[in-house]
Amino acid sequence: MSDLNVIALIPAKPGSEAVVRAALTELVGHTRQEEGCLKYELFESQATPGTFVTVEEWTSQAALDAHMASPHIAAAFAAAGDAMAGAPAIHPLTAV
């Protein structure tokens, strides 16, 4: 089975970027320790400041599902709370 590549877009409300950035930065270290995580990088969009982007690679859909159900994901979303401008948009990718 081939690896699963994922992009996630996480929008912050204007003026709340620091709150979302801090919550996501805390998440990175925990996520990289997860079984099945091959790559997890955090960026902020230059085209749309305040939109955070994760570039991820997982060994399987099951590994991604476990990540999404992890306590540190719940903690990050709770910490970001009302500072997010909407739900994260998670995009599993298929090679072309």
N, C-alpha and C. Protein backbone atom coordinates (compact mmCIF):
# COMPACT_ATOMS: atom_id res chain seq x y z
N MET A 1 0.84 -1.19 0.00
CA MET A 1 0.00 0.00 0.00
C MET A 1 0.88 1.24 0.00
N SER A 2 0.52 2.23 -0.80
CA SER A 2 1.32 3.45 -0.88
C SER A 2 0.96 4.40 0.26
N ASP A 3 1.86 5.31 0.53
CA ASP A 3 1.66 6.28 1.59
C ASP A 3 0.54 7.24 1.24
N LEU A 4 -0.03 7.86 2.26
CA LEU A 4 -1.12 8.80 2.08
C LEU A 4 -0.60 10.21 2.33
N ASN A 5 -0.70 11.07 1.32
CA ASN A 5 -0.32 12.47 1.44
C ASN A 5 -1.56 13.30 1.71
N VAL A 6 -1.43 14.28 2.59
CA VAL A 6 -2.57 15.09 3.01
C VAL A 6 -2.12 16.54 3.14
N ILE A 7 -3.00 17.43 2.74
CA ILE A 7 -2.85 18.87 2.99
C ILE A 7 -4.05 19.28 3.84
N ALA A 8 -3.82 20.06 4.87
CA ALA A 8 -4.92 20.60 5.66
C ALA A 8 -4.79 22.12 5.70
N LEU A 9 -5.90 22.80 5.52
CA LEU A 9 -5.95 24.26 5.57
C LEU A 9 -6.74 24.66 6.82
N ILE A 10 -6.12 25.47 7.68
CA ILE A 10 -6.73 25.88 8.94
C ILE A 10 -6.78 27.40 8.97
N PRO A 11 -7.96 27.98 8.83
CA PRO A 11 -8.08 29.44 8.79
C PRO A 11 -8.23 30.06 10.18
N ALA A 12 -7.50 31.13 10.41
CA ALA A 12 -7.63 31.89 11.66
C ALA A 12 -8.47 33.14 11.40
N LYS A 13 -9.21 33.55 12.42
CA LYS A 13 -9.93 34.82 12.32
C LYS A 13 -8.91 35.95 12.31
N PRO A 14 -9.17 37.01 11.56
CA PRO A 14 -8.26 38.17 11.57
C PRO A 14 -8.05 38.66 13.01
N GLY A 15 -6.80 38.85 13.35
CA GLY A 15 -6.44 39.29 14.69
C GLY A 15 -6.22 38.15 15.67
N SER A 16 -6.54 36.93 15.26
CA SER A 16 -6.40 35.76 16.15
C SER A 16 -5.33 34.79 15.66
N GLU A 17 -4.53 35.23 14.72
CA GLU A 17 -3.53 34.34 14.13
C GLU A 17 -2.56 33.77 15.16
N ALA A 18 -2.16 34.56 16.14
CA ALA A 18 -1.19 34.10 17.13
C ALA A 18 -1.75 32.95 17.96
N VAL A 19 -3.03 32.99 18.26
CA VAL A 19 -3.66 31.92 19.06
C VAL A 19 -3.64 30.62 18.27
N VAL A 20 -4.05 30.67 17.01
CA VAL A 20 -4.07 29.48 16.17
C VAL A 20 -2.65 28.98 15.92
N ARG A 21 -1.74 29.89 15.64
CA ARG A 21 -0.33 29.52 15.41
C ARG A 21 0.23 28.77 16.62
N ALA A 22 -0.03 29.27 17.82
CA ALA A 22 0.49 28.63 19.04
C ALA A 22 -0.10 27.23 19.22
N ALA A 23 -1.40 27.09 18.99
CA ALA A 23 -2.04 25.78 19.15
C ALA A 23 -1.49 24.78 18.14
N LEU A 24 -1.30 25.21 16.90
CA LEU A 24 -0.80 24.32 15.86
C LEU A 24 0.68 24.00 16.05
N THR A 25 1.44 24.96 16.51
CA THR A 25 2.86 24.72 16.76
C THR A 25 3.04 23.66 17.84
N GLU A 26 2.22 23.73 18.88
CA GLU A 26 2.24 22.71 19.95
C GLU A 26 1.89 21.34 19.39
N LEU A 27 1.00 21.29 18.44
CA LEU A 27 0.54 20.04 17.85
C LEU A 27 1.64 19.33 17.05
N VAL A 28 2.51 20.08 16.41
CA VAL A 28 3.51 19.51 15.50
C VAL A 28 4.37 18.45 16.19
N GLY A 29 4.95 18.77 17.33
CA GLY A 29 5.84 17.83 18.00
C GLY A 29 5.14 16.54 18.39
N HIS A 30 3.92 16.66 18.91
CA HIS A 30 3.16 15.47 19.29
C HIS A 30 2.83 14.61 18.08
N THR A 31 2.44 15.26 17.00
CA THR A 31 2.06 14.52 15.79
C THR A 31 3.24 13.78 15.20
N ARG A 32 4.40 14.39 15.18
CA ARG A 32 5.57 13.73 14.60
C ARG A 32 5.97 12.48 15.38
N GLN A 33 5.52 12.35 16.62
CA GLN A 33 5.81 11.17 17.44
C GLN A 33 4.85 10.01 17.16
N GLU A 34 3.76 10.29 16.46
CA GLU A 34 2.73 9.27 16.23
C GLU A 34 3.22 8.15 15.33
N GLU A 35 2.78 6.94 15.66
CA GLU A 35 3.03 5.81 14.78
C GLU A 35 2.28 6.07 13.48
N GLY A 36 2.96 5.88 12.37
CA GLY A 36 2.33 6.08 11.07
C GLY A 36 2.56 7.45 10.47
N CYS A 37 3.13 8.38 11.24
CA CYS A 37 3.43 9.71 10.71
C CYS A 37 4.81 9.70 10.06
N LEU A 38 4.85 9.95 8.77
CA LEU A 38 6.11 10.01 8.05
C LEU A 38 6.60 11.45 7.89
N LYS A 39 5.64 12.38 7.81
CA LYS A 39 6.00 13.81 7.67
C LYS A 39 4.83 14.64 8.17
N TYR A 40 5.16 15.71 8.89
CA TYR A 40 4.13 16.65 9.35
C TYR A 40 4.80 18.00 9.47
N GLU A 41 4.47 18.90 8.55
CA GLU A 41 5.07 20.23 8.52
C GLU A 41 3.97 21.28 8.58
N LEU A 42 4.26 22.39 9.25
CA LEU A 42 3.30 23.47 9.41
C LEU A 42 3.81 24.73 8.72
N PHE A 43 2.94 25.35 7.94
CA PHE A 43 3.26 26.58 7.22
C PHE A 43 2.13 27.59 7.40
N GLU A 44 2.44 28.85 7.12
CA GLU A 44 1.40 29.87 6.99
C GLU A 44 1.43 30.35 5.54
N SER A 45 0.27 30.44 4.94
CA SER A 45 0.16 30.83 3.53
C SER A 45 0.65 32.26 3.34
N GLN A 46 1.49 32.48 2.35
CA GLN A 46 1.88 33.84 1.98
C GLN A 46 0.79 34.49 1.14
N ALA A 47 0.02 33.67 0.41
CA ALA A 47 -1.05 34.20 -0.43
C ALA A 47 -2.25 34.63 0.41
N THR A 48 -2.48 33.92 1.51
CA THR A 48 -3.61 34.21 2.40
C THR A 48 -3.11 34.17 3.84
N PRO A 49 -2.43 35.23 4.30
CA PRO A 49 -1.93 35.24 5.67
C PRO A 49 -3.06 34.93 6.65
N GLY A 50 -2.72 34.16 7.68
CA GLY A 50 -3.73 33.74 8.65
C GLY A 50 -4.34 32.40 8.30
N THR A 51 -3.96 31.85 7.15
CA THR A 51 -4.35 30.49 6.80
C THR A 51 -3.14 29.61 7.00
N PHE A 52 -3.28 28.65 7.89
CA PHE A 52 -2.19 27.73 8.19
C PHE A 52 -2.39 26.46 7.38
N VAL A 53 -1.28 25.88 6.95
CA VAL A 53 -1.31 24.72 6.07
C VAL A 53 -0.40 23.65 6.66
N THR A 54 -0.95 22.44 6.80
CA THR A 54 -0.10 21.32 7.16
C THR A 54 0.13 20.47 5.92
N VAL A 55 1.37 20.02 5.76
CA VAL A 55 1.76 19.11 4.69
C VAL A 55 2.14 17.82 5.40
N GLU A 56 1.38 16.78 5.12
CA GLU A 56 1.48 15.55 5.91
C GLU A 56 1.70 14.34 5.02
N GLU A 57 2.35 13.33 5.58
CA GLU A 57 2.46 12.03 4.92
C GLU A 57 2.29 10.97 5.99
N TRP A 58 1.36 10.06 5.72
CA TRP A 58 0.99 9.00 6.65
C TRP A 58 1.18 7.64 5.98
N THR A 59 1.39 6.62 6.78
CA THR A 59 1.58 5.28 6.22
C THR A 59 0.27 4.71 5.69
N SER A 60 -0.87 5.20 6.19
CA SER A 60 -2.16 4.64 5.78
C SER A 60 -3.30 5.56 6.21
N GLN A 61 -4.49 5.28 5.70
CA GLN A 61 -5.68 5.99 6.14
C GLN A 61 -5.94 5.72 7.62
N ALA A 62 -5.66 4.50 8.07
CA ALA A 62 -5.85 4.17 9.49
C ALA A 62 -4.96 5.03 10.38
N ALA A 63 -3.74 5.30 9.94
CA ALA A 63 -2.84 6.16 10.73
C ALA A 63 -3.38 7.59 10.78
N LEU A 64 -3.90 8.09 9.65
CA LEU A 64 -4.50 9.42 9.64
C LEU A 64 -5.73 9.45 10.54
N ASP A 65 -6.56 8.42 10.48
CA ASP A 65 -7.75 8.36 11.32
C ASP A 65 -7.38 8.38 12.80
N ALA A 66 -6.34 7.64 13.16
CA ALA A 66 -5.87 7.63 14.56
C ALA A 66 -5.39 9.01 14.97
N HIS A 67 -4.71 9.69 14.07
CA HIS A 67 -4.24 11.06 14.35
C HIS A 67 -5.43 11.98 14.60
N MET A 68 -6.44 11.89 13.75
CA MET A 68 -7.60 12.77 13.90
C MET A 68 -8.37 12.50 15.19
N ALA A 69 -8.24 11.30 15.74
CA ALA A 69 -8.92 10.93 16.99
C ALA A 69 -8.03 11.11 18.22
N SER A 70 -6.80 11.61 18.03
CA SER A 70 -5.84 11.69 19.13
C SER A 70 -6.18 12.81 20.11
N PRO A 71 -5.76 12.65 21.35
CA PRO A 71 -5.99 13.69 22.35
C PRO A 71 -5.32 15.02 22.00
N HIS A 72 -4.15 14.97 21.34
CA HIS A 72 -3.48 16.23 21.03
C HIS A 72 -4.17 17.00 19.90
N ILE A 73 -4.89 16.32 19.01
CA ILE A 73 -5.70 17.04 18.02
C ILE A 73 -6.85 17.74 18.74
N ALA A 74 -7.52 17.02 19.63
CA ALA A 74 -8.62 17.62 20.38
C ALA A 74 -8.13 18.81 21.20
N ALA A 75 -6.97 18.68 21.81
CA ALA A 75 -6.41 19.77 22.61
C ALA A 75 -6.08 20.98 21.74
N ALA A 76 -5.52 20.75 20.56
CA ALA A 76 -5.16 21.86 19.67
C ALA A 76 -6.41 22.61 19.21
N PHE A 77 -7.45 21.87 18.83
CA PHE A 77 -8.67 22.52 18.38
C PHE A 77 -9.37 23.24 19.53
N ALA A 78 -9.27 22.68 20.73
CA ALA A 78 -9.84 23.36 21.90
C ALA A 78 -9.07 24.64 22.20
N ALA A 79 -7.74 24.59 22.08
CA ALA A 79 -6.91 25.77 22.34
C ALA A 79 -7.15 26.86 21.30
N ALA A 80 -7.33 26.45 20.05
CA ALA A 80 -7.58 27.42 18.98
C ALA A 80 -9.01 27.96 19.08
N GLY A 81 -9.93 27.09 19.46
CA GLY A 81 -11.32 27.45 19.72
C GLY A 81 -11.92 28.48 18.79
N ASP A 82 -12.41 29.56 19.37
CA ASP A 82 -13.08 30.60 18.61
C ASP A 82 -12.14 31.43 17.75
N ALA A 83 -10.84 31.18 17.84
CA ALA A 83 -9.88 31.92 17.02
C ALA A 83 -9.85 31.42 15.58
N MET A 84 -10.43 30.23 15.35
CA MET A 84 -10.47 29.70 13.99
C MET A 84 -11.64 30.30 13.23
N ALA A 85 -11.42 30.59 11.95
CA ALA A 85 -12.45 31.21 11.11
C ALA A 85 -13.38 30.17 10.50
N GLY A 86 -13.12 28.92 10.74
CA GLY A 86 -13.93 27.84 10.20
C GLY A 86 -13.26 26.52 10.47
N ALA A 87 -13.92 25.46 10.08
CA ALA A 87 -13.36 24.13 10.27
C ALA A 87 -12.16 23.92 9.35
N PRO A 88 -11.20 23.11 9.79
CA PRO A 88 -10.09 22.78 8.91
C PRO A 88 -10.60 22.06 7.66
N ALA A 89 -9.99 22.35 6.54
CA ALA A 89 -10.29 21.65 5.29
C ALA A 89 -9.17 20.65 5.06
N ILE A 90 -9.51 19.37 5.16
CA ILE A 90 -8.51 18.31 5.07
C ILE A 90 -8.62 17.67 3.68
N HIS A 91 -7.48 17.65 2.97
CA HIS A 91 -7.45 17.17 1.59
C HIS A 91 -6.50 15.99 1.45
N PRO A 92 -6.99 14.74 1.52
CA PRO A 92 -6.15 13.62 1.13
C PRO A 92 -5.86 13.74 -0.37
N LEU A 93 -4.68 13.41 -0.76
CA LEU A 93 -4.26 13.63 -2.15
C LEU A 93 -4.05 12.31 -2.89
N THR A 94 -4.32 12.35 -4.19
CA THR A 94 -4.05 11.23 -5.08
C THR A 94 -3.05 11.71 -6.11
N ALA A 95 -1.99 10.95 -6.30
CA ALA A 95 -0.97 11.31 -7.30
C ALA A 95 -1.58 11.26 -8.69
N VAL A 96 -1.15 12.16 -9.54
CA VAL A 96 -1.63 12.22 -10.92
C VAL A 96 -0.54 11.73 -11.84
